[in-house]
């Protein structure tokens, strides 16, 4: 995470901009955080994270990390907690848990991991922090005088789990810096999360030995970081005693040769191909294929195609895609790449046909749905895009991106009431209630739409206005 997170969260201290709908921190510190209050606090922090450009909202990568996380959660001892896993585009090796079951993972963690079990070991550890309510305990230890505002609390939580630049900036604000060290997990927290994390790993079918292996590599890497330890170690103290404890726990467990999923390898290749300089990424994948030095040929060929697309060498990208597809492994990630290449190369009809065929095999794959909707809108087919999106909304009602596509489709059809109503629903699902109310007000004044559409819009406007009033009253009490 970047320094801008600090500036975003300090805005929360401005009257009227304080995170709404949260418990009073003084009361929470005295009475303890309930699970519901934790979730509301986490949602407040997440609203700000989602608005930052480091928030990596790539459908394929997010779906992968949530699939991996859900597999671990279902093997945990407490599955009553809702979880959401999200990605931060940052090359620092880091992962962190926020209140309410939100778990962030830096892209650098996935790139640096040498196996899927290593990524799973970090997620299992963070899941244990949530299920054991370590964050709630840390917050509950703070006295009322120390919990000055949601702003300082948010800064402290994120600074403790981010890079040194944010940490130094937070310390400059005094109280947030003072809180930071108190919000770092204690040795007892870490040992408990390790113990439960190992159990989760084993139950989920991953290699529990991956946890001490990953920790050992982090410890060795400490000397290589200019600012000291990697971010993960600053908020998750790793002592020799703790490492020995984890090693002892897994010593008696059988070693498992767990094969990484194809999705794990493809997502890693996607990160490298997307984040490195195009020519550097191209050279990397050419070299790995030329020297046969790769963990997955499919992933290396996938990364090569993505790199070629970034350099606009579509002719060669098609050739390399053919070699990838000849390997014969089915994956919606490869199908999305295939259709995306046709679209990037200007083959509009071929791309649309590709998306239609791919969705027959993978009807619920978000990346395909989003890319197909985008392609339809670019080819000026808003009616077809609406049919696609509204069909999906019948079963998935909380996806803000579907409402955004719906709004754009209605805009092309010059249906202003429906356009602003759809945009309002997108904002509402992003947690931005003031913007949702504003869009509904525009919709009501648009002058189009029939009696029933206008009545439904006015009813929704009244509902969200009540919600906004409640949030402002709760904020005013603090």
Protein backbone atom coordinates (compact mmCIF):
# COMPACT_ATOMS: atom_id res chain seq x y z
CA UNK A 1 0.00 0.00 0.00
CA UNK A 2 1.10 3.53 -0.72
CA UNK A 3 1.39 6.79 1.18
CA UNK A 4 -1.91 7.96 -0.33
CA UNK A 5 -3.74 5.54 1.99
CA UNK A 6 -2.70 7.76 4.88
CA UNK A 7 -4.19 10.85 3.27
CA UNK A 8 -7.41 9.03 2.42
CA UNK A 9 -7.92 7.80 5.94
CA UNK A 10 -7.11 11.13 7.58
CA UNK A 11 -10.07 12.57 5.65
CA UNK A 12 -12.29 10.35 7.76
CA UNK A 13 -11.68 12.67 10.69
CA UNK A 14 -13.42 15.58 8.91
CA UNK A 15 -16.98 16.12 10.20
CA UNK A 16 -19.45 14.56 7.81
CA UNK A 17 -16.74 12.36 6.30
CA UNK A 18 -16.20 10.19 9.35
CA UNK A 19 -16.86 6.54 8.54
CA UNK A 20 -20.58 6.07 9.02
CA UNK A 21 -22.50 3.34 10.76
CA UNK A 22 -19.78 2.31 13.19
CA UNK A 23 -19.91 1.80 16.94
CA UNK A 24 -18.53 4.53 19.13
CA UNK A 25 -14.93 3.59 19.67
CA UNK A 26 -14.86 4.48 23.33
CA UNK A 27 -17.87 2.29 24.06
CA UNK A 28 -16.47 -0.48 21.92
CA UNK A 29 -13.18 -0.38 23.77
CA UNK A 30 -15.01 -0.71 27.08
CA UNK A 31 -17.68 -3.22 26.15
CA UNK A 32 -15.85 -5.18 23.47
CA UNK A 33 -16.41 -5.42 19.74
CA UNK A 34 -19.25 -7.65 18.60
CA UNK A 35 -18.87 -9.59 15.36
CA UNK A 36 -21.34 -7.21 13.70
CA UNK A 37 -19.41 -4.14 14.83
CA UNK A 38 -16.18 -5.65 13.58
CA UNK A 39 -17.78 -6.22 10.19
CA UNK A 40 -19.04 -2.65 9.99
CA UNK A 41 -15.61 -1.33 10.89
CA UNK A 42 -14.03 -3.54 8.26
CA UNK A 43 -16.54 -2.42 5.64
CA UNK A 44 -15.74 1.21 6.43
CA UNK A 45 -12.02 0.63 5.87
CA UNK A 46 -12.73 -1.39 2.73
CA UNK A 47 -14.73 1.46 1.19
CA UNK A 48 -11.59 3.55 1.25
CA UNK A 49 -9.30 0.77 0.07
CA UNK A 50 -11.54 0.05 -2.91
CA UNK A 51 -11.28 3.69 -3.98
CA UNK A 52 -7.48 3.60 -4.09
CA UNK A 53 -5.66 2.80 -7.32
CA UNK A 54 -3.57 0.10 -5.62
CA UNK A 55 -6.73 -1.94 -5.09
CA UNK A 56 -6.42 -4.64 -7.76
CA UNK A 57 -9.92 -5.48 -8.91
CA UNK A 58 -9.02 -7.94 -11.66
CA UNK A 59 -11.89 -10.44 -11.84
CA UNK A 60 -9.71 -13.48 -12.59
CA UNK A 61 -7.15 -12.81 -9.89
CA UNK A 62 -9.77 -11.88 -7.27
CA UNK A 63 -11.83 -14.96 -8.04
CA UNK A 64 -8.73 -17.13 -7.75
CA UNK A 65 -7.69 -15.77 -4.35
CA UNK A 66 -11.27 -16.06 -3.06
CA UNK A 67 -11.56 -19.64 -4.31
CA UNK A 68 -8.33 -20.51 -2.53
CA UNK A 69 -9.41 -18.64 0.60
CA UNK A 70 -12.86 -20.24 0.66
CA UNK A 71 -11.33 -23.70 0.42
CA UNK A 72 -9.31 -22.92 3.54
CA UNK A 73 -12.18 -21.24 5.39
CA UNK A 74 -14.46 -24.25 4.97
CA UNK A 75 -11.79 -26.41 6.64
CA UNK A 76 -11.48 -24.08 9.61
CA UNK A 77 -13.04 -24.64 13.00
CA UNK A 78 -15.31 -21.56 12.74
CA UNK A 79 -17.06 -21.07 9.41
CA UNK A 80 -19.76 -18.71 10.74
CA UNK A 81 -17.59 -15.70 9.91
CA UNK A 82 -18.01 -14.15 6.46
CA UNK A 83 -14.73 -13.67 4.61
CA UNK A 84 -13.69 -11.54 1.67
CA UNK A 85 -10.21 -11.80 0.15
CA UNK A 86 -8.88 -8.92 -1.91
CA UNK A 87 -5.68 -7.96 -3.72
CA UNK A 88 -3.35 -4.98 -3.45
CA UNK A 89 -1.04 -4.23 -6.37
CA UNK A 90 2.19 -3.98 -4.40
CA UNK A 91 5.44 -5.89 -4.83
CA UNK A 92 6.00 -6.05 -1.08
CA UNK A 93 5.61 -9.52 0.42
CA UNK A 94 2.58 -8.97 2.60
CA UNK A 95 -0.88 -10.12 3.65
CA UNK A 96 -3.05 -8.71 6.41
CA UNK A 97 -6.37 -9.22 8.15
CA UNK A 98 -8.78 -6.36 8.79
CA UNK A 99 -11.72 -6.37 11.20
CA UNK A 100 -14.74 -8.30 9.99
CA UNK A 101 -13.10 -11.03 7.91
CA UNK A 102 -11.48 -8.91 5.19
CA UNK A 103 -8.08 -10.31 4.22
CA UNK A 104 -5.74 -8.42 1.91
CA UNK A 105 -3.02 -10.07 -0.15
CA UNK A 106 -0.27 -8.19 -1.95
CA UNK A 107 0.48 -9.32 -5.48
CA UNK A 108 4.13 -9.51 -4.39
CA UNK A 109 3.28 -12.33 -2.01
CA UNK A 110 1.89 -14.47 -4.82
CA UNK A 111 4.81 -13.69 -7.11
CA UNK A 112 7.39 -14.53 -4.44
CA UNK A 113 5.76 -17.78 -3.35
CA UNK A 114 7.31 -20.90 -4.80
CA UNK A 115 4.20 -23.04 -4.43
CA UNK A 116 0.46 -22.70 -3.97
CA UNK A 117 0.81 -24.30 -0.54
CA UNK A 118 2.98 -21.35 0.52
CA UNK A 119 0.28 -18.85 -0.45
CA UNK A 120 -2.28 -21.06 1.30
CA UNK A 121 -0.14 -21.13 4.45
CA UNK A 122 -0.19 -17.33 4.71
CA UNK A 123 -3.94 -17.18 4.09
CA UNK A 124 -4.56 -19.92 6.66
CA UNK A 125 -2.55 -17.91 9.20
CA UNK A 126 -4.59 -14.75 8.48
CA UNK A 127 -7.86 -16.69 8.62
CA UNK A 128 -6.86 -17.88 12.08
CA UNK A 129 -6.26 -14.27 13.20
CA UNK A 130 -9.87 -13.54 12.21
CA UNK A 131 -11.52 -16.65 13.66
CA UNK A 132 -9.63 -16.19 16.95
CA UNK A 133 -10.67 -12.49 16.97
CA UNK A 134 -7.12 -11.28 17.54
CA UNK A 135 -7.86 -7.88 15.99
CA UNK A 136 -10.90 -7.39 18.21
CA UNK A 137 -8.79 -8.26 21.23
CA UNK A 138 -6.14 -5.74 20.24
CA UNK A 139 -8.73 -3.01 19.73
CA UNK A 140 -10.43 -3.89 22.97
CA UNK A 141 -7.17 -3.40 24.87
CA UNK A 142 -7.00 0.26 23.86
CA UNK A 143 -8.38 2.78 26.31
CA UNK A 144 -10.97 5.35 25.28
CA UNK A 145 -8.46 8.19 25.35
CA UNK A 146 -6.30 6.40 22.81
CA UNK A 147 -9.07 5.78 20.30
CA UNK A 148 -9.40 9.35 19.14
CA UNK A 149 -11.04 8.69 15.77
CA UNK A 150 -11.76 6.14 13.12
CA UNK A 151 -9.09 7.95 11.07
CA UNK A 152 -6.23 7.22 13.46
CA UNK A 153 -7.48 3.68 13.97
CA UNK A 154 -7.59 3.01 10.21
CA UNK A 155 -4.16 4.55 9.67
CA UNK A 156 -2.70 2.47 12.48
CA UNK A 157 -4.17 -0.81 11.26
CA UNK A 158 -2.98 -0.27 7.72
CA UNK A 159 0.39 1.22 8.59
CA UNK A 160 1.18 -1.79 10.76
CA UNK A 161 0.62 -4.02 7.76
CA UNK A 162 2.09 -1.85 5.02
CA UNK A 163 5.53 -0.69 3.94
CA UNK A 164 7.95 1.52 5.82
CA UNK A 165 6.91 4.67 3.95
CA UNK A 166 3.38 4.49 5.31
CA UNK A 167 4.65 3.52 8.76
CA UNK A 168 6.87 6.60 8.94
CA UNK A 169 4.06 8.84 7.72
CA UNK A 170 1.68 7.42 10.30
CA UNK A 171 4.18 8.01 13.09
CA UNK A 172 4.34 11.65 12.03
CA UNK A 173 0.69 11.95 13.05
CA UNK A 174 1.55 11.06 16.63
CA UNK A 175 -1.34 9.04 17.96
CA UNK A 176 -1.67 6.82 14.89
CA UNK A 177 2.02 6.04 15.18
CA UNK A 178 1.71 5.31 18.88
CA UNK A 179 -1.17 2.92 18.22
CA UNK A 180 0.68 1.10 15.49
CA UNK A 181 2.94 -0.96 17.69
CA UNK A 182 0.03 -1.89 19.95
CA UNK A 183 -1.86 -3.19 16.93
CA UNK A 184 0.95 -5.48 15.85
CA UNK A 185 0.14 -9.07 16.69
CA UNK A 186 1.67 -10.41 19.89
CA UNK A 187 3.82 -13.52 20.12
CA UNK A 188 0.89 -15.40 21.63
CA UNK A 189 -1.37 -14.26 18.75
CA UNK A 190 1.18 -15.43 16.23
CA UNK A 191 1.70 -18.82 17.82
CA UNK A 192 -2.05 -19.40 18.00
CA UNK A 193 -2.51 -18.37 14.37
CA UNK A 194 0.37 -20.65 13.34
CA UNK A 195 -1.11 -23.61 15.22
CA UNK A 196 -4.59 -23.18 13.80
CA UNK A 197 -3.24 -22.27 10.37
CA UNK A 198 -1.31 -25.53 10.17
CA UNK A 199 -4.48 -27.44 11.05
CA UNK A 200 -6.42 -25.59 8.34
CA UNK A 201 -3.70 -26.30 5.78
CA UNK A 202 -3.67 -30.00 6.50
CA UNK A 203 -7.48 -30.30 6.44
CA UNK A 204 -7.63 -28.41 3.13
CA UNK A 205 -5.19 -30.81 1.49
CA UNK A 206 -2.19 -28.48 1.24
CA UNK A 207 1.33 -29.20 2.42
CA UNK A 208 1.67 -27.96 6.05
CA UNK A 209 5.45 -27.97 5.65
CA UNK A 210 5.00 -24.97 3.34
CA UNK A 211 4.44 -22.69 6.33
CA UNK A 212 7.88 -23.06 7.97
CA UNK A 213 9.49 -23.17 4.51
CA UNK A 214 7.96 -19.81 3.63
CA UNK A 215 8.86 -18.32 7.01
CA UNK A 216 12.47 -19.45 6.65
CA UNK A 217 12.75 -17.78 3.27
CA UNK A 218 11.27 -14.57 4.66
CA UNK A 219 13.78 -14.63 7.48
CA UNK A 220 16.65 -15.04 5.02
CA UNK A 221 15.25 -12.23 2.87
CA UNK A 222 15.26 -9.81 5.80
CA UNK A 223 18.88 -8.85 5.15
CA UNK A 224 18.08 -7.96 1.54
CA UNK A 225 15.46 -5.32 2.31
CA UNK A 226 16.73 -1.76 2.50
CA UNK A 227 14.23 -0.79 5.18
CA UNK A 228 14.72 -3.93 7.25
CA UNK A 229 12.29 -6.82 7.34
CA UNK A 230 9.64 -7.43 4.67
CA UNK A 231 6.29 -5.82 5.47
CA UNK A 232 4.82 -9.12 6.61
CA UNK A 233 7.43 -9.52 9.33
CA UNK A 234 6.87 -6.02 10.73
CA UNK A 235 3.30 -6.82 11.72
CA UNK A 236 3.85 -10.57 12.24
CA UNK A 237 6.98 -10.84 14.43
CA UNK A 238 8.96 -13.94 13.47
CA UNK A 239 11.31 -15.08 16.23
CA UNK A 240 13.55 -18.12 16.15
CA UNK A 241 11.32 -19.61 18.86
CA UNK A 242 8.24 -19.13 16.73
CA UNK A 243 9.90 -20.65 13.67
CA UNK A 244 11.08 -23.61 15.74
CA UNK A 245 7.58 -24.05 17.13
CA UNK A 246 6.07 -24.25 13.63
CA UNK A 247 8.77 -26.65 12.51
CA UNK A 248 8.06 -28.89 15.49
CA UNK A 249 4.33 -28.85 14.75
CA UNK A 250 4.75 -30.09 11.20
CA UNK A 251 7.67 -32.43 11.89
CA UNK A 252 5.47 -35.44 12.52
CA UNK A 253 3.15 -34.73 9.62
CA UNK A 254 3.70 -36.63 6.38
CA UNK A 255 5.25 -34.65 3.55
CA UNK A 256 2.81 -34.12 0.70
CA UNK A 257 3.82 -33.60 -2.90
CA UNK A 258 0.96 -31.24 -3.72
CA UNK A 259 0.66 -30.23 -7.36
CA UNK A 260 -0.04 -26.54 -7.86
CA UNK A 261 -3.30 -25.75 -9.61
CA UNK A 262 -3.08 -24.49 -13.18
CA UNK A 263 -4.95 -21.37 -12.05
CA UNK A 264 -2.21 -20.54 -9.52
CA UNK A 265 0.48 -20.77 -12.19
CA UNK A 266 -1.54 -18.78 -14.73
CA UNK A 267 -2.30 -15.99 -12.27
CA UNK A 268 1.38 -15.70 -11.31
CA UNK A 269 2.27 -15.50 -15.01
CA UNK A 270 -0.42 -12.87 -15.51
CA UNK A 271 1.01 -10.74 -12.72
CA UNK A 272 4.54 -10.88 -14.11
CA UNK A 273 3.40 -10.23 -17.67
CA UNK A 274 1.14 -7.34 -16.59
CA UNK A 275 3.29 -5.59 -13.99
CA UNK A 276 6.80 -5.84 -15.44
CA UNK A 277 7.90 -3.61 -18.29
CA UNK A 278 6.55 -5.20 -21.50
CA UNK A 279 9.97 -5.89 -23.00
CA UNK A 280 11.31 -7.26 -19.73
CA UNK A 281 8.32 -9.55 -19.34
CA UNK A 282 8.68 -10.70 -22.94
CA UNK A 283 12.36 -11.51 -22.42
CA UNK A 284 11.60 -13.40 -19.21
CA UNK A 285 9.02 -15.72 -20.77
CA UNK A 286 11.05 -16.21 -23.94
CA UNK A 287 14.02 -17.17 -21.82
CA UNK A 288 12.10 -19.56 -19.60
CA UNK A 289 10.63 -21.35 -22.62
CA UNK A 290 13.86 -21.34 -24.58
CA UNK A 291 15.85 -22.84 -21.72
CA UNK A 292 12.94 -25.05 -20.55
CA UNK A 293 13.21 -23.50 -17.10
CA UNK A 294 9.65 -23.26 -15.87
CA UNK A 295 7.31 -24.82 -13.35
CA UNK A 296 4.46 -24.82 -15.87
CA UNK A 297 4.80 -24.63 -19.64
CA UNK A 298 1.17 -23.52 -19.89
CA UNK A 299 1.84 -20.59 -17.58
CA UNK A 300 5.00 -19.54 -19.40
CA UNK A 301 3.24 -19.63 -22.76
CA UNK A 302 0.29 -17.75 -21.27
CA UNK A 303 2.65 -15.07 -19.94
CA UNK A 304 4.36 -14.87 -23.32
CA UNK A 305 1.03 -14.24 -25.09
CA UNK A 306 0.06 -11.52 -22.60
CA UNK A 307 3.49 -9.89 -23.02
CA UNK A 308 3.19 -9.96 -26.82
CA UNK A 309 -0.26 -8.39 -26.58
CA UNK A 310 1.20 -5.57 -24.50
CA UNK A 311 3.78 -4.93 -27.25
CA UNK A 312 0.96 -5.12 -29.86
CA UNK A 313 2.60 -8.01 -31.68
CA UNK A 314 -0.74 -9.68 -32.32
CA UNK A 315 0.43 -11.89 -35.17
CA UNK A 316 3.04 -13.59 -33.03
CA UNK A 317 0.68 -13.63 -30.05
CA UNK A 318 -1.79 -15.67 -32.12
CA UNK A 319 0.95 -18.12 -33.03
CA UNK A 320 2.03 -18.55 -29.42
CA UNK A 321 -1.60 -18.87 -28.31
CA UNK A 322 -1.95 -21.75 -30.73
CA UNK A 323 1.01 -23.47 -29.08
CA UNK A 324 -0.58 -22.88 -25.65
CA UNK A 325 -3.91 -24.34 -26.69
CA UNK A 326 -2.23 -27.41 -28.19
CA UNK A 327 -1.12 -28.37 -24.68
CA UNK A 328 -4.76 -29.29 -24.17
CA UNK A 329 -5.48 -28.00 -20.66
CA UNK A 330 -8.93 -26.45 -20.34
CA UNK A 331 -9.21 -23.28 -18.28
CA UNK A 332 -11.54 -20.27 -18.36
CA UNK A 333 -8.43 -18.11 -17.95
CA UNK A 334 -7.08 -19.39 -21.26
CA UNK A 335 -10.49 -18.93 -22.91
CA UNK A 336 -10.66 -15.33 -21.69
CA UNK A 337 -7.18 -14.71 -23.10
CA UNK A 338 -8.18 -16.23 -26.45
CA UNK A 339 -11.20 -13.97 -26.83
CA UNK A 340 -9.29 -10.96 -25.52
CA UNK A 341 -6.58 -11.42 -28.15
CA UNK A 342 -9.14 -11.43 -30.95
CA UNK A 343 -10.70 -8.30 -29.54
CA UNK A 344 -7.33 -6.54 -29.14
CA UNK A 345 -6.43 -7.46 -32.72
CA UNK A 346 -9.59 -5.77 -34.00
CA UNK A 347 -11.47 -8.96 -34.88
CA UNK A 348 -14.78 -7.74 -33.48
CA UNK A 349 -17.09 -10.43 -34.82
CA UNK A 350 -14.61 -13.18 -34.09
CA UNK A 351 -14.22 -11.92 -30.53
CA UNK A 352 -17.97 -11.78 -29.93
CA UNK A 353 -18.38 -15.32 -31.26
CA UNK A 354 -15.51 -16.44 -29.05
CA UNK A 355 -17.14 -14.98 -25.93
CA UNK A 356 -20.48 -16.58 -26.72
CA UNK A 357 -18.90 -19.99 -27.15
CA UNK A 358 -16.70 -19.65 -24.07
CA UNK A 359 -19.67 -18.69 -21.91
CA UNK A 360 -21.41 -21.91 -22.90
CA UNK A 361 -18.60 -23.79 -21.16
CA UNK A 362 -18.10 -21.30 -18.30
CA UNK A 363 -21.44 -19.45 -17.89
CA UNK A 364 -20.63 -17.93 -14.49
CA UNK A 365 -17.04 -16.85 -15.11
CA UNK A 366 -16.91 -13.17 -14.24
CA UNK A 367 -14.00 -12.18 -16.48
CA UNK A 368 -15.75 -13.60 -19.54
CA UNK A 369 -19.02 -11.86 -18.65
CA UNK A 370 -17.33 -8.50 -18.08
CA UNK A 371 -15.19 -8.71 -21.22
CA UNK A 372 -18.13 -9.81 -23.36
CA UNK A 373 -20.27 -6.94 -22.04
CA UNK A 374 -17.44 -4.50 -22.76
CA UNK A 375 -17.02 -5.86 -26.27
CA UNK A 376 -20.76 -5.59 -26.93
CA UNK A 377 -20.82 -1.97 -25.81
CA UNK A 378 -17.76 -1.14 -27.90
CA UNK A 379 -19.52 -2.66 -30.93
CA UNK A 380 -22.63 -0.55 -30.17
CA UNK A 381 -24.88 -3.44 -29.16
CA UNK A 382 -26.38 -2.13 -25.90
CA UNK A 383 -29.53 -4.26 -26.11
CA UNK A 384 -27.50 -7.48 -26.25
CA UNK A 385 -25.29 -6.22 -23.42
CA UNK A 386 -28.38 -5.48 -21.32
CA UNK A 387 -29.74 -8.97 -21.89
CA UNK A 388 -26.41 -10.46 -20.79
CA UNK A 389 -26.08 -8.29 -17.69
CA UNK A 390 -29.69 -8.48 -16.55
CA UNK A 391 -29.66 -12.25 -16.91
CA UNK A 392 -26.70 -12.35 -14.57
CA UNK A 393 -28.33 -9.91 -12.12
CA UNK A 394 -31.20 -12.32 -11.60
CA UNK A 395 -28.86 -14.53 -9.55
CA UNK A 396 -26.04 -12.15 -8.57
CA UNK A 397 -27.51 -8.97 -7.13
CA UNK A 398 -24.54 -7.41 -5.32
CA UNK A 399 -22.04 -7.06 -8.19
CA UNK A 400 -21.54 -3.33 -8.69
CA UNK A 401 -19.77 -3.84 -12.03
CA UNK A 402 -22.88 -5.41 -13.54
CA UNK A 403 -24.85 -2.29 -12.62
CA UNK A 404 -22.15 -0.15 -14.20
CA UNK A 405 -22.52 -2.06 -17.46
CA UNK A 406 -26.28 -1.73 -17.14
CA UNK A 407 -25.95 2.05 -16.71
CA UNK A 408 -23.70 2.37 -19.77
CA UNK A 409 -26.11 0.29 -21.83
CA UNK A 410 -29.06 2.48 -20.86
CA UNK A 411 -27.01 5.59 -21.63
CA UNK A 412 -26.42 4.35 -25.18
CA UNK A 413 -30.17 3.79 -25.49
CA UNK A 414 -30.81 7.32 -24.15
CA UNK A 415 -32.86 6.00 -21.23
CA UNK A 416 -31.79 8.51 -18.63
CA UNK A 417 -33.96 7.42 -15.71
CA UNK A 418 -32.85 3.81 -16.06
CA UNK A 419 -29.23 4.89 -16.57
CA UNK A 420 -29.03 6.91 -13.34
CA UNK A 421 -31.03 4.31 -11.41
CA UNK A 422 -28.52 1.62 -12.43
CA UNK A 423 -25.57 3.87 -11.55
CA UNK A 424 -27.17 4.52 -8.16
CA UNK A 425 -27.36 0.78 -7.51
CA UNK A 426 -23.67 0.48 -8.42
CA UNK A 427 -22.75 3.22 -5.92
CA UNK A 428 -24.95 1.69 -3.24
CA UNK A 429 -23.13 -1.62 -3.55
CA UNK A 430 -19.81 0.18 -3.35
CA UNK A 431 -20.91 1.71 -0.04
CA UNK A 432 -21.17 5.25 -1.42
CA UNK A 433 -24.71 6.11 -0.28
CA UNK A 434 -24.45 9.90 -0.88
CA UNK A 435 -23.51 9.31 -4.53
CA UNK A 436 -26.33 6.78 -4.88
CA UNK A 437 -28.86 9.32 -3.55
CA UNK A 438 -27.54 11.96 -5.96
CA UNK A 439 -27.95 9.60 -8.93
CA UNK A 440 -31.51 8.77 -7.93
CA UNK A 441 -32.33 12.47 -7.63
CA UNK A 442 -31.09 12.97 -11.19
CA UNK A 443 -33.13 9.95 -12.30
CA UNK A 444 -36.34 11.35 -10.83
CA UNK A 445 -35.81 14.66 -12.64
CA UNK A 446 -34.83 13.05 -15.95
CA UNK A 447 -38.32 13.30 -17.40
CA UNK A 448 -38.38 9.89 -19.03
CA UNK A 449 -39.55 6.49 -17.83
CA UNK A 450 -43.12 5.39 -17.24
CA UNK A 451 -45.24 5.77 -14.09
CA UNK A 452 -44.12 2.46 -12.60
CA UNK A 453 -40.41 3.12 -13.21
CA UNK A 454 -40.68 6.58 -11.67
CA UNK A 455 -42.60 5.26 -8.64
CA UNK A 456 -40.02 2.51 -8.04
CA UNK A 457 -37.19 5.04 -8.34
CA UNK A 458 -38.83 7.43 -5.87
CA UNK A 459 -39.37 4.58 -3.41
CA UNK A 460 -35.72 3.58 -3.69
CA UNK A 461 -34.69 7.22 -3.22
CA UNK A 462 -36.71 7.45 0.01
CA UNK A 463 -35.13 4.23 1.24
CA UNK A 464 -31.58 5.40 0.62
CA UNK A 465 -32.29 8.86 2.05
CA UNK A 466 -33.41 7.20 5.28
CA UNK A 467 -30.26 5.14 5.29
CA UNK A 468 -28.15 8.24 4.71
CA UNK A 469 -29.90 10.09 7.56
CA UNK A 470 -29.23 7.16 9.89
CA UNK A 471 -25.56 7.16 8.97
CA UNK A 472 -25.25 10.90 9.54
CA UNK A 473 -26.98 10.68 12.93
CA UNK A 474 -24.68 7.90 14.02
CA UNK A 475 -21.67 9.90 12.84
CA UNK A 476 -22.95 12.99 14.70
CA UNK A 477 -23.00 11.09 17.98
CA UNK A 478 -19.25 10.65 17.85
